[in-house]
Amino acid sequence: MKLFSGVIAVAAAVACSIAWLGLASQAEAHTVYVPTWAVFPDTHGGLVPIEDGEAQDPVEGPWGIAEAAAITPDGEKLYVTDLSSGTIYAIDTRSHKIVAEIAGPAHASDIAISPRGGLAYVVSLARVSAIDTNEDKLVGSVGAGDRPVGVAFAPDGERAYVANYQDISVIDTETHKEVGRIDDDRMVDL
């Protein structure tokens, strides 16, 4: 059970730390933003945009450690979590200018944005915070299991799945409430 949940937690955290930007008008063109603190420690928290397989100049910001990044479905905003301060930065993807700073939880390990848009979940050691991406503001907290580390949305955006230390929380995105848990035995409705 612990190995299973540990693998899920690590996989979710790594998979969710890279944000993809698909441009609707140019299906073949895309940009990937990679937080660089773990790969290139000397960059001190920059983001490296990779366009068509080529690394571009890093996007620098006021964050201490850019832990995770996610992009809105329309490709207009990139959200970056600062591991040390808990601030979440909303960045315009065209200009790379910060358009909003949202006070979030310290030690945020992951962020995901609903495929329907309008909602992001930020995972920290103790909670999952909900952000309205239209207004760029924190709109509440979601209960989850022990030590959440990663988050992903279902393709329809109706559920989010939070990787915890020993299981996975199932979150209803309309109510921001945990509605079930998945472990290596089965799903348990709450």
N, C-alpha and C. Protein backbone atom coordinates (compact mmCIF):
# COMPACT_ATOMS: atom_id res chain seq x y z
N MET A 1 0.82 -1.19 0.00
CA MET A 1 0.00 0.00 0.00
C MET A 1 0.87 1.26 0.00
N LYS A 2 1.89 1.32 0.87
CA LYS A 2 2.73 2.51 0.95
C LYS A 2 3.53 2.70 -0.34
N LEU A 3 4.06 1.62 -0.89
CA LEU A 3 4.79 1.73 -2.14
C LEU A 3 3.88 2.23 -3.25
N PHE A 4 2.66 1.67 -3.34
CA PHE A 4 1.67 2.07 -4.34
C PHE A 4 1.38 3.57 -4.23
N SER A 5 1.08 4.04 -3.02
CA SER A 5 0.73 5.45 -2.85
C SER A 5 1.94 6.34 -3.05
N GLY A 6 3.13 5.87 -2.66
CA GLY A 6 4.33 6.66 -2.88
C GLY A 6 4.62 6.85 -4.35
N VAL A 7 4.46 5.80 -5.13
CA VAL A 7 4.67 5.89 -6.58
C VAL A 7 3.67 6.85 -7.20
N ILE A 8 2.40 6.74 -6.79
CA ILE A 8 1.38 7.65 -7.31
C ILE A 8 1.70 9.09 -6.95
N ALA A 9 2.09 9.32 -5.70
CA ALA A 9 2.39 10.68 -5.25
C ALA A 9 3.54 11.28 -6.04
N VAL A 10 4.62 10.53 -6.21
CA VAL A 10 5.78 11.03 -6.95
C VAL A 10 5.42 11.26 -8.40
N ALA A 11 4.71 10.32 -9.01
CA ALA A 11 4.33 10.46 -10.42
C ALA A 11 3.43 11.68 -10.62
N ALA A 12 2.48 11.88 -9.72
CA ALA A 12 1.58 13.03 -9.84
C ALA A 12 2.33 14.33 -9.68
N ALA A 13 3.23 14.39 -8.72
CA ALA A 13 3.98 15.62 -8.48
C ALA A 13 4.88 15.96 -9.66
N VAL A 14 5.56 14.97 -10.23
CA VAL A 14 6.44 15.22 -11.36
C VAL A 14 5.63 15.56 -12.60
N ALA A 15 4.57 14.78 -12.87
CA ALA A 15 3.78 15.00 -14.08
C ALA A 15 3.10 16.36 -14.07
N CYS A 16 2.69 16.79 -12.89
CA CYS A 16 1.94 18.04 -12.82
C CYS A 16 2.83 19.26 -12.70
N SER A 17 4.15 19.09 -12.58
CA SER A 17 5.01 20.25 -12.41
C SER A 17 5.40 20.87 -13.75
N ILE A 18 5.01 20.25 -14.85
CA ILE A 18 5.29 20.82 -16.17
C ILE A 18 3.96 21.27 -16.77
N ALA A 19 3.91 22.50 -17.22
CA ALA A 19 2.68 23.04 -17.79
C ALA A 19 2.79 23.09 -19.31
N TRP A 20 1.75 22.62 -19.97
CA TRP A 20 1.71 22.63 -21.43
C TRP A 20 0.78 23.73 -21.92
N LEU A 21 1.17 24.40 -22.99
CA LEU A 21 0.35 25.43 -23.60
C LEU A 21 0.08 25.04 -25.04
N GLY A 22 -1.15 24.67 -25.33
CA GLY A 22 -1.53 24.35 -26.70
C GLY A 22 -2.22 25.55 -27.31
N LEU A 23 -1.76 26.00 -28.43
CA LEU A 23 -2.37 27.15 -29.09
C LEU A 23 -3.43 26.67 -30.06
N ALA A 24 -4.69 27.09 -29.83
CA ALA A 24 -5.81 26.62 -30.63
C ALA A 24 -5.66 26.97 -32.11
N SER A 25 -5.11 28.16 -32.39
CA SER A 25 -5.01 28.57 -33.78
C SER A 25 -3.83 27.91 -34.49
N GLN A 26 -2.86 27.40 -33.73
CA GLN A 26 -1.71 26.75 -34.33
C GLN A 26 -1.50 25.42 -33.61
N ALA A 27 -2.25 24.41 -34.03
CA ALA A 27 -2.25 23.13 -33.33
C ALA A 27 -0.86 22.52 -33.22
N GLU A 28 0.02 22.77 -34.20
CA GLU A 28 1.34 22.17 -34.14
C GLU A 28 2.32 22.95 -33.26
N ALA A 29 2.01 24.20 -32.94
CA ALA A 29 2.90 25.01 -32.10
C ALA A 29 2.48 24.92 -30.64
N HIS A 30 3.44 24.86 -29.76
CA HIS A 30 3.14 24.82 -28.34
C HIS A 30 4.37 25.26 -27.54
N THR A 31 4.10 25.64 -26.31
CA THR A 31 5.16 26.01 -25.39
C THR A 31 4.99 25.20 -24.13
N VAL A 32 6.09 24.72 -23.61
CA VAL A 32 6.13 24.01 -22.36
C VAL A 32 6.92 24.89 -21.39
N TYR A 33 6.40 25.09 -20.17
CA TYR A 33 7.12 25.84 -19.15
C TYR A 33 7.60 24.87 -18.09
N VAL A 34 8.89 24.82 -17.88
CA VAL A 34 9.48 23.89 -16.93
C VAL A 34 10.09 24.67 -15.76
N PRO A 35 9.58 24.46 -14.52
CA PRO A 35 10.24 25.06 -13.36
C PRO A 35 11.67 24.52 -13.27
N THR A 36 12.65 25.39 -13.09
CA THR A 36 14.05 24.97 -13.22
C THR A 36 14.81 24.81 -11.92
N TRP A 37 14.20 25.08 -10.80
CA TRP A 37 15.00 25.04 -9.56
C TRP A 37 15.59 23.66 -9.31
N ALA A 38 14.89 22.59 -9.68
CA ALA A 38 15.40 21.25 -9.43
C ALA A 38 16.40 20.81 -10.50
N VAL A 39 16.23 21.32 -11.71
CA VAL A 39 17.08 20.91 -12.82
C VAL A 39 18.34 21.76 -12.89
N PHE A 40 18.16 23.06 -12.79
CA PHE A 40 19.27 23.99 -12.85
C PHE A 40 19.24 24.86 -11.59
N PRO A 41 19.81 24.38 -10.47
CA PRO A 41 19.70 25.11 -9.20
C PRO A 41 20.19 26.55 -9.27
N ASP A 42 21.10 26.87 -10.18
CA ASP A 42 21.62 28.23 -10.26
C ASP A 42 20.61 29.22 -10.83
N THR A 43 19.49 28.75 -11.38
CA THR A 43 18.51 29.67 -11.96
C THR A 43 17.61 30.29 -10.91
N HIS A 44 17.66 29.78 -9.69
CA HIS A 44 16.91 30.34 -8.56
C HIS A 44 15.43 30.53 -8.86
N GLY A 45 14.80 29.51 -9.37
CA GLY A 45 13.36 29.54 -9.49
C GLY A 45 12.80 30.07 -10.79
N GLY A 46 13.59 30.10 -11.84
CA GLY A 46 13.06 30.55 -13.11
C GLY A 46 12.21 29.48 -13.78
N LEU A 47 11.58 29.86 -14.85
CA LEU A 47 10.82 28.94 -15.69
C LEU A 47 11.46 28.97 -17.06
N VAL A 48 11.72 27.82 -17.62
CA VAL A 48 12.28 27.77 -18.96
C VAL A 48 11.17 27.43 -19.94
N PRO A 49 10.84 28.37 -20.84
CA PRO A 49 9.89 28.04 -21.90
C PRO A 49 10.61 27.20 -22.96
N ILE A 50 9.97 26.15 -23.39
CA ILE A 50 10.51 25.32 -24.46
C ILE A 50 9.50 25.37 -25.59
N GLU A 51 9.94 25.92 -26.71
CA GLU A 51 9.08 26.05 -27.87
C GLU A 51 9.61 25.16 -28.98
N ASP A 52 8.77 24.28 -29.46
CA ASP A 52 9.14 23.36 -30.54
C ASP A 52 10.47 22.66 -30.25
N GLY A 53 10.67 22.25 -29.00
CA GLY A 53 11.86 21.51 -28.60
C GLY A 53 13.08 22.35 -28.30
N GLU A 54 12.97 23.67 -28.42
CA GLU A 54 14.10 24.56 -28.18
C GLU A 54 13.88 25.36 -26.90
N ALA A 55 14.85 25.33 -25.99
CA ALA A 55 14.76 26.12 -24.76
C ALA A 55 14.92 27.60 -25.09
N GLN A 56 14.07 28.42 -24.47
CA GLN A 56 14.11 29.86 -24.65
C GLN A 56 14.73 30.50 -23.40
N ASP A 57 14.86 31.81 -23.41
CA ASP A 57 15.37 32.50 -22.22
C ASP A 57 14.42 32.27 -21.06
N PRO A 58 14.95 32.03 -19.85
CA PRO A 58 14.08 31.78 -18.70
C PRO A 58 13.17 32.97 -18.39
N VAL A 59 11.98 32.65 -17.89
CA VAL A 59 11.06 33.66 -17.39
C VAL A 59 11.41 33.82 -15.92
N GLU A 60 11.93 34.97 -15.56
CA GLU A 60 12.31 35.21 -14.17
C GLU A 60 11.15 35.91 -13.46
N GLY A 61 11.09 35.74 -12.17
CA GLY A 61 10.03 36.37 -11.40
C GLY A 61 10.47 36.57 -9.97
N PRO A 62 9.59 37.11 -9.15
CA PRO A 62 9.93 37.39 -7.76
C PRO A 62 9.87 36.17 -6.85
N TRP A 63 9.45 35.04 -7.40
CA TRP A 63 9.32 33.85 -6.57
C TRP A 63 10.68 33.35 -6.13
N GLY A 64 10.68 32.69 -4.96
CA GLY A 64 11.90 32.08 -4.46
C GLY A 64 12.17 30.77 -5.18
N ILE A 65 11.21 29.85 -5.13
CA ILE A 65 11.35 28.56 -5.80
C ILE A 65 10.06 28.30 -6.58
N ALA A 66 10.16 28.33 -7.89
CA ALA A 66 9.01 28.02 -8.74
C ALA A 66 8.82 26.51 -8.70
N GLU A 67 7.88 26.04 -7.89
CA GLU A 67 7.69 24.61 -7.67
C GLU A 67 6.85 23.95 -8.76
N ALA A 68 5.78 24.60 -9.17
CA ALA A 68 4.87 23.99 -10.14
C ALA A 68 4.26 25.08 -11.01
N ALA A 69 3.79 24.67 -12.18
CA ALA A 69 3.18 25.63 -13.11
C ALA A 69 2.04 24.95 -13.86
N ALA A 70 1.03 25.75 -14.21
CA ALA A 70 -0.11 25.25 -14.98
C ALA A 70 -0.66 26.39 -15.83
N ILE A 71 -1.24 26.03 -16.97
CA ILE A 71 -1.74 27.02 -17.92
C ILE A 71 -3.23 26.85 -18.10
N THR A 72 -3.93 27.97 -18.23
CA THR A 72 -5.37 27.94 -18.46
C THR A 72 -5.65 27.30 -19.83
N PRO A 73 -6.82 26.68 -19.97
CA PRO A 73 -7.14 26.02 -21.26
C PRO A 73 -7.08 26.95 -22.47
N ASP A 74 -7.37 28.24 -22.26
CA ASP A 74 -7.30 29.17 -23.39
C ASP A 74 -5.87 29.61 -23.70
N GLY A 75 -4.91 29.19 -22.86
CA GLY A 75 -3.51 29.51 -23.10
C GLY A 75 -3.10 30.92 -22.75
N GLU A 76 -3.98 31.69 -22.13
CA GLU A 76 -3.67 33.09 -21.86
C GLU A 76 -2.90 33.35 -20.58
N LYS A 77 -3.08 32.48 -19.57
CA LYS A 77 -2.40 32.71 -18.29
C LYS A 77 -1.67 31.46 -17.82
N LEU A 78 -0.50 31.71 -17.27
CA LEU A 78 0.32 30.69 -16.65
C LEU A 78 0.32 30.97 -15.15
N TYR A 79 0.07 29.92 -14.35
CA TYR A 79 0.10 30.07 -12.89
C TYR A 79 1.33 29.36 -12.35
N VAL A 80 2.07 30.04 -11.48
CA VAL A 80 3.29 29.51 -10.90
C VAL A 80 3.17 29.56 -9.39
N THR A 81 3.50 28.45 -8.72
CA THR A 81 3.48 28.42 -7.25
C THR A 81 4.88 28.66 -6.72
N ASP A 82 4.97 29.47 -5.67
CA ASP A 82 6.24 29.73 -5.00
C ASP A 82 6.28 28.84 -3.77
N LEU A 83 7.17 27.87 -3.76
CA LEU A 83 7.26 26.90 -2.68
C LEU A 83 7.51 27.57 -1.33
N SER A 84 8.34 28.59 -1.31
CA SER A 84 8.73 29.19 -0.03
C SER A 84 7.67 30.13 0.54
N SER A 85 7.11 30.99 -0.26
CA SER A 85 6.17 32.00 0.27
C SER A 85 4.71 31.57 0.19
N GLY A 86 4.39 30.65 -0.71
CA GLY A 86 3.01 30.26 -0.91
C GLY A 86 2.27 31.15 -1.89
N THR A 87 2.90 32.17 -2.38
CA THR A 87 2.26 33.05 -3.36
C THR A 87 2.09 32.31 -4.68
N ILE A 88 0.94 32.53 -5.30
CA ILE A 88 0.69 31.99 -6.63
C ILE A 88 0.68 33.18 -7.59
N TYR A 89 1.49 33.10 -8.61
CA TYR A 89 1.59 34.20 -9.58
C TYR A 89 0.84 33.83 -10.84
N ALA A 90 -0.01 34.75 -11.31
CA ALA A 90 -0.67 34.61 -12.61
C ALA A 90 0.13 35.45 -13.59
N ILE A 91 0.55 34.82 -14.69
CA ILE A 91 1.43 35.47 -15.66
C ILE A 91 0.77 35.44 -17.03
N ASP A 92 0.78 36.58 -17.72
CA ASP A 92 0.31 36.65 -19.10
C ASP A 92 1.31 35.89 -19.96
N THR A 93 0.85 34.90 -20.72
CA THR A 93 1.77 34.05 -21.49
C THR A 93 2.38 34.76 -22.70
N ARG A 94 1.79 35.83 -23.14
CA ARG A 94 2.35 36.55 -24.28
C ARG A 94 3.47 37.50 -23.85
N SER A 95 3.23 38.25 -22.78
CA SER A 95 4.20 39.25 -22.34
C SER A 95 5.12 38.75 -21.22
N HIS A 96 4.73 37.65 -20.58
CA HIS A 96 5.42 37.10 -19.40
C HIS A 96 5.43 38.08 -18.23
N LYS A 97 4.46 38.97 -18.21
CA LYS A 97 4.28 39.92 -17.08
C LYS A 97 3.32 39.32 -16.06
N ILE A 98 3.60 39.57 -14.80
CA ILE A 98 2.71 39.12 -13.72
C ILE A 98 1.46 39.99 -13.73
N VAL A 99 0.29 39.34 -13.80
CA VAL A 99 -0.97 40.07 -13.81
C VAL A 99 -1.71 39.97 -12.47
N ALA A 100 -1.31 39.02 -11.63
CA ALA A 100 -1.93 38.90 -10.30
C ALA A 100 -1.02 38.10 -9.37
N GLU A 101 -1.10 38.43 -8.09
CA GLU A 101 -0.43 37.67 -7.04
C GLU A 101 -1.50 37.23 -6.06
N ILE A 102 -1.57 35.93 -5.81
CA ILE A 102 -2.60 35.37 -4.95
C ILE A 102 -1.92 34.76 -3.73
N ALA A 103 -2.34 35.18 -2.55
CA ALA A 103 -1.78 34.60 -1.32
C ALA A 103 -2.29 33.17 -1.19
N GLY A 104 -1.38 32.24 -1.24
CA GLY A 104 -1.75 30.83 -1.16
C GLY A 104 -1.03 30.16 -0.01
N PRO A 105 -1.08 28.84 0.01
CA PRO A 105 -0.45 28.10 1.10
C PRO A 105 1.06 27.96 0.91
N ALA A 106 1.80 28.05 2.01
CA ALA A 106 3.25 27.78 1.96
C ALA A 106 3.46 26.32 1.61
N HIS A 107 4.58 26.03 1.02
CA HIS A 107 4.97 24.66 0.66
C HIS A 107 4.03 24.04 -0.38
N ALA A 108 3.53 24.85 -1.30
CA ALA A 108 2.67 24.34 -2.38
C ALA A 108 3.51 23.43 -3.27
N SER A 109 3.04 22.21 -3.49
CA SER A 109 3.81 21.25 -4.27
C SER A 109 3.27 21.04 -5.68
N ASP A 110 2.03 21.44 -5.93
CA ASP A 110 1.46 21.19 -7.24
C ASP A 110 0.30 22.14 -7.51
N ILE A 111 0.02 22.34 -8.79
CA ILE A 111 -1.14 23.12 -9.21
C ILE A 111 -1.69 22.49 -10.48
N ALA A 112 -3.01 22.48 -10.61
CA ALA A 112 -3.67 22.00 -11.83
C ALA A 112 -4.85 22.91 -12.10
N ILE A 113 -5.16 23.08 -13.37
CA ILE A 113 -6.29 23.92 -13.78
C ILE A 113 -7.30 23.04 -14.48
N SER A 114 -8.56 23.25 -14.14
CA SER A 114 -9.65 22.48 -14.74
C SER A 114 -9.66 22.65 -16.25
N PRO A 115 -9.92 21.57 -16.99
CA PRO A 115 -10.04 21.70 -18.44
C PRO A 115 -11.19 22.58 -18.87
N ARG A 116 -12.15 22.81 -17.97
CA ARG A 116 -13.27 23.72 -18.26
C ARG A 116 -12.87 25.16 -18.03
N GLY A 117 -11.72 25.38 -17.39
CA GLY A 117 -11.27 26.72 -17.07
C GLY A 117 -11.99 27.25 -15.83
N GLY A 118 -11.52 28.36 -15.34
CA GLY A 118 -12.16 29.04 -14.22
C GLY A 118 -11.77 28.53 -12.84
N LEU A 119 -11.08 27.40 -12.73
CA LEU A 119 -10.77 26.82 -11.44
C LEU A 119 -9.39 26.17 -11.45
N ALA A 120 -8.64 26.46 -10.39
CA ALA A 120 -7.35 25.79 -10.18
C ALA A 120 -7.34 25.25 -8.76
N TYR A 121 -6.66 24.13 -8.58
CA TYR A 121 -6.41 23.60 -7.24
C TYR A 121 -4.90 23.63 -7.00
N VAL A 122 -4.52 24.15 -5.84
CA VAL A 122 -3.13 24.21 -5.42
C VAL A 122 -2.98 23.30 -4.22
N VAL A 123 -2.02 22.38 -4.30
CA VAL A 123 -1.81 21.41 -3.23
C VAL A 123 -0.63 21.84 -2.37
N SER A 124 -0.84 21.81 -1.05
CA SER A 124 0.25 22.05 -0.11
C SER A 124 0.30 20.87 0.85
N LEU A 125 1.21 20.92 1.80
CA LEU A 125 1.36 19.82 2.74
C LEU A 125 0.11 19.56 3.57
N ALA A 126 -0.69 20.56 3.80
CA ALA A 126 -1.82 20.40 4.71
C ALA A 126 -3.19 20.52 4.06
N ARG A 127 -3.28 21.11 2.86
CA ARG A 127 -4.60 21.35 2.29
C ARG A 127 -4.54 21.52 0.78
N VAL A 128 -5.72 21.61 0.19
CA VAL A 128 -5.86 21.91 -1.23
C VAL A 128 -6.65 23.22 -1.31
N SER A 129 -6.06 24.23 -1.94
CA SER A 129 -6.71 25.52 -2.05
C SER A 129 -7.34 25.68 -3.42
N ALA A 130 -8.54 26.24 -3.45
CA ALA A 130 -9.27 26.48 -4.70
C ALA A 130 -9.08 27.93 -5.12
N ILE A 131 -8.76 28.14 -6.41
CA ILE A 131 -8.56 29.48 -6.95
C ILE A 131 -9.51 29.69 -8.12
N ASP A 132 -10.20 30.81 -8.11
CA ASP A 132 -11.01 31.24 -9.24
C ASP A 132 -10.04 31.91 -10.22
N THR A 133 -9.79 31.28 -11.37
CA THR A 133 -8.81 31.82 -12.32
C THR A 133 -9.37 32.96 -13.17
N ASN A 134 -10.69 33.16 -13.12
CA ASN A 134 -11.26 34.32 -13.82
C ASN A 134 -11.03 35.59 -13.02
N GLU A 135 -11.15 35.48 -11.69
CA GLU A 135 -10.98 36.62 -10.80
C GLU A 135 -9.60 36.66 -10.14
N ASP A 136 -8.82 35.59 -10.31
CA ASP A 136 -7.50 35.46 -9.68
C ASP A 136 -7.56 35.67 -8.18
N LYS A 137 -8.43 34.88 -7.55
CA LYS A 137 -8.53 34.97 -6.09
C LYS A 137 -8.80 33.60 -5.49
N LEU A 138 -8.34 33.45 -4.25
CA LEU A 138 -8.58 32.25 -3.48
C LEU A 138 -10.04 32.20 -3.09
N VAL A 139 -10.70 31.06 -3.35
CA VAL A 139 -12.14 30.96 -3.05
C VAL A 139 -12.45 29.89 -2.01
N GLY A 140 -11.43 29.29 -1.44
CA GLY A 140 -11.70 28.33 -0.39
C GLY A 140 -10.65 27.24 -0.30
N SER A 141 -10.92 26.32 0.61
CA SER A 141 -10.05 25.18 0.86
C SER A 141 -10.83 23.89 0.68
N VAL A 142 -10.15 22.87 0.24
CA VAL A 142 -10.77 21.57 0.03
C VAL A 142 -10.11 20.58 0.98
N GLY A 143 -10.93 19.81 1.68
CA GLY A 143 -10.38 18.76 2.53
C GLY A 143 -9.88 17.61 1.69
N ALA A 144 -8.76 17.04 2.07
CA ALA A 144 -8.19 15.89 1.37
C ALA A 144 -7.55 14.99 2.41
N GLY A 145 -6.87 13.97 1.96
CA GLY A 145 -6.26 13.01 2.86
C GLY A 145 -4.96 13.50 3.49
N ASP A 146 -4.22 12.57 4.04
CA ASP A 146 -2.98 12.84 4.74
C ASP A 146 -1.88 13.25 3.77
N ARG A 147 -1.30 14.42 3.96
CA ARG A 147 -0.18 14.95 3.19
C ARG A 147 -0.38 14.92 1.68
N PRO A 148 -1.32 15.71 1.16
CA PRO A 148 -1.52 15.75 -0.30
C PRO A 148 -0.28 16.30 -1.00
N VAL A 149 0.05 15.72 -2.18
CA VAL A 149 1.24 16.16 -2.91
C VAL A 149 0.99 16.46 -4.39
N GLY A 150 -0.05 15.92 -4.98
CA GLY A 150 -0.28 16.13 -6.40
C GLY A 150 -1.76 16.20 -6.71
N VAL A 151 -2.11 16.84 -7.83
CA VAL A 151 -3.51 16.98 -8.21
C VAL A 151 -3.65 16.92 -9.73
N ALA A 152 -4.75 16.31 -10.18
CA ALA A 152 -5.08 16.26 -11.61
C ALA A 152 -6.60 16.31 -11.74
N PHE A 153 -7.08 16.92 -12.81
CA PHE A 153 -8.52 16.99 -13.09
C PHE A 153 -8.91 15.90 -14.07
N ALA A 154 -10.14 15.41 -13.94
CA ALA A 154 -10.71 14.52 -14.94
C ALA A 154 -10.89 15.32 -16.23
N PRO A 155 -10.89 14.67 -17.39
CA PRO A 155 -11.04 15.39 -18.65
C PRO A 155 -12.28 16.28 -18.73
N ASP A 156 -13.38 15.88 -18.07
CA ASP A 156 -14.58 16.71 -18.10
C ASP A 156 -14.58 17.80 -17.03
N GLY A 157 -13.59 17.81 -16.15
CA GLY A 157 -13.47 18.83 -15.11
C GLY A 157 -14.41 18.67 -13.94
N GLU A 158 -15.22 17.61 -13.93
CA GLU A 158 -16.19 17.45 -12.84
C GLU A 158 -15.57 16.92 -11.55
N ARG A 159 -14.45 16.26 -11.66
CA ARG A 159 -13.76 15.71 -10.49
C ARG A 159 -12.28 16.08 -10.58
N ALA A 160 -11.67 16.19 -9.39
CA ALA A 160 -10.23 16.32 -9.30
C ALA A 160 -9.74 15.19 -8.41
N TYR A 161 -8.54 14.75 -8.68
CA TYR A 161 -7.95 13.64 -7.93
C TYR A 161 -6.68 14.13 -7.27
N VAL A 162 -6.63 13.98 -5.95
CA VAL A 162 -5.50 14.48 -5.17
C VAL A 162 -4.72 13.29 -4.63
N ALA A 163 -3.44 13.19 -5.02
CA ALA A 163 -2.58 12.13 -4.53
C ALA A 163 -2.12 12.48 -3.12
N ASN A 164 -2.49 11.64 -2.17
CA ASN A 164 -2.10 11.80 -0.78
C ASN A 164 -1.00 10.80 -0.45
N TYR A 165 -0.55 10.82 0.78
CA TYR A 165 0.50 9.91 1.21
C TYR A 165 0.12 8.45 1.02
N GLN A 166 -1.11 8.07 1.36
CA GLN A 166 -1.47 6.66 1.28
C GLN A 166 -2.72 6.37 0.45
N ASP A 167 -3.30 7.38 -0.18
CA ASP A 167 -4.48 7.14 -1.00
C ASP A 167 -4.71 8.33 -1.93
N ILE A 168 -5.84 8.32 -2.62
CA ILE A 168 -6.18 9.40 -3.53
C ILE A 168 -7.56 9.94 -3.14
N SER A 169 -7.65 11.24 -2.94
CA SER A 169 -8.93 11.88 -2.64
C SER A 169 -9.63 12.22 -3.95
N VAL A 170 -10.94 12.00 -3.98
CA VAL A 170 -11.77 12.37 -5.12
C VAL A 170 -12.55 13.61 -4.71
N ILE A 171 -12.37 14.70 -5.46
CA ILE A 171 -12.97 15.99 -5.12
C ILE A 171 -14.02 16.36 -6.16
N ASP A 172 -15.22 16.72 -5.69
CA ASP A 172 -16.26 17.25 -6.57
C ASP A 172 -15.93 18.72 -6.80
N THR A 173 -15.72 19.11 -8.05
CA THR A 173 -15.26 20.47 -8.33
C THR A 173 -16.36 21.52 -8.27
N GLU A 174 -17.61 21.10 -8.25
CA GLU A 174 -18.71 22.06 -8.08
C GLU A 174 -18.84 22.48 -6.62
N THR A 175 -18.71 21.50 -5.71
CA THR A 175 -18.91 21.77 -4.28
C THR A 175 -17.60 21.95 -3.53
N HIS A 176 -16.48 21.62 -4.16
CA HIS A 176 -15.15 21.65 -3.51
C HIS A 176 -15.13 20.78 -2.26
N LYS A 177 -15.75 19.64 -2.35
CA LYS A 177 -15.78 18.70 -1.23
C LYS A 177 -15.23 17.35 -1.67
N GLU A 178 -14.56 16.69 -0.73
CA GLU A 178 -14.08 15.34 -0.99
C GLU A 178 -15.29 14.40 -0.97
N VAL A 179 -15.45 13.61 -2.04
CA VAL A 179 -16.60 12.71 -2.14
C VAL A 179 -16.20 11.24 -2.10
N GLY A 180 -14.91 10.96 -2.09
CA GLY A 180 -14.47 9.57 -2.04
C GLY A 180 -12.98 9.47 -1.88
N ARG A 181 -12.52 8.24 -1.63
CA ARG A 181 -11.10 7.93 -1.53
C ARG A 181 -10.82 6.68 -2.35
N ILE A 182 -9.70 6.65 -2.99
CA ILE A 182 -9.26 5.48 -3.73
C ILE A 182 -7.98 4.98 -3.08
N ASP A 183 -7.96 3.70 -2.76
CA ASP A 183 -6.71 3.08 -2.30
C ASP A 183 -6.49 1.84 -3.14
N ASP A 184 -5.57 0.99 -2.75
CA ASP A 184 -5.31 -0.16 -3.61
C ASP A 184 -6.36 -1.25 -3.52
N ASP A 185 -7.38 -1.06 -2.69
CA ASP A 185 -8.47 -2.04 -2.61
C ASP A 185 -9.66 -1.61 -3.45
N ARG A 186 -10.18 -0.41 -3.22
CA ARG A 186 -11.35 0.07 -3.97
C ARG A 186 -11.66 1.52 -3.58
N MET A 187 -12.59 2.10 -4.30
CA MET A 187 -13.07 3.45 -3.98
C MET A 187 -14.07 3.37 -2.83
N VAL A 188 -13.92 4.29 -1.93
CA VAL A 188 -14.84 4.37 -0.79
C VAL A 188 -15.54 5.73 -0.88
N ASP A 189 -16.89 5.71 -1.00
CA ASP A 189 -17.64 6.97 -1.01
C ASP A 189 -17.69 7.53 0.40
N LEU A 190 -17.59 8.84 0.50
CA LEU A 190 -17.65 9.49 1.81
C LEU A 190 -19.02 10.04 2.09
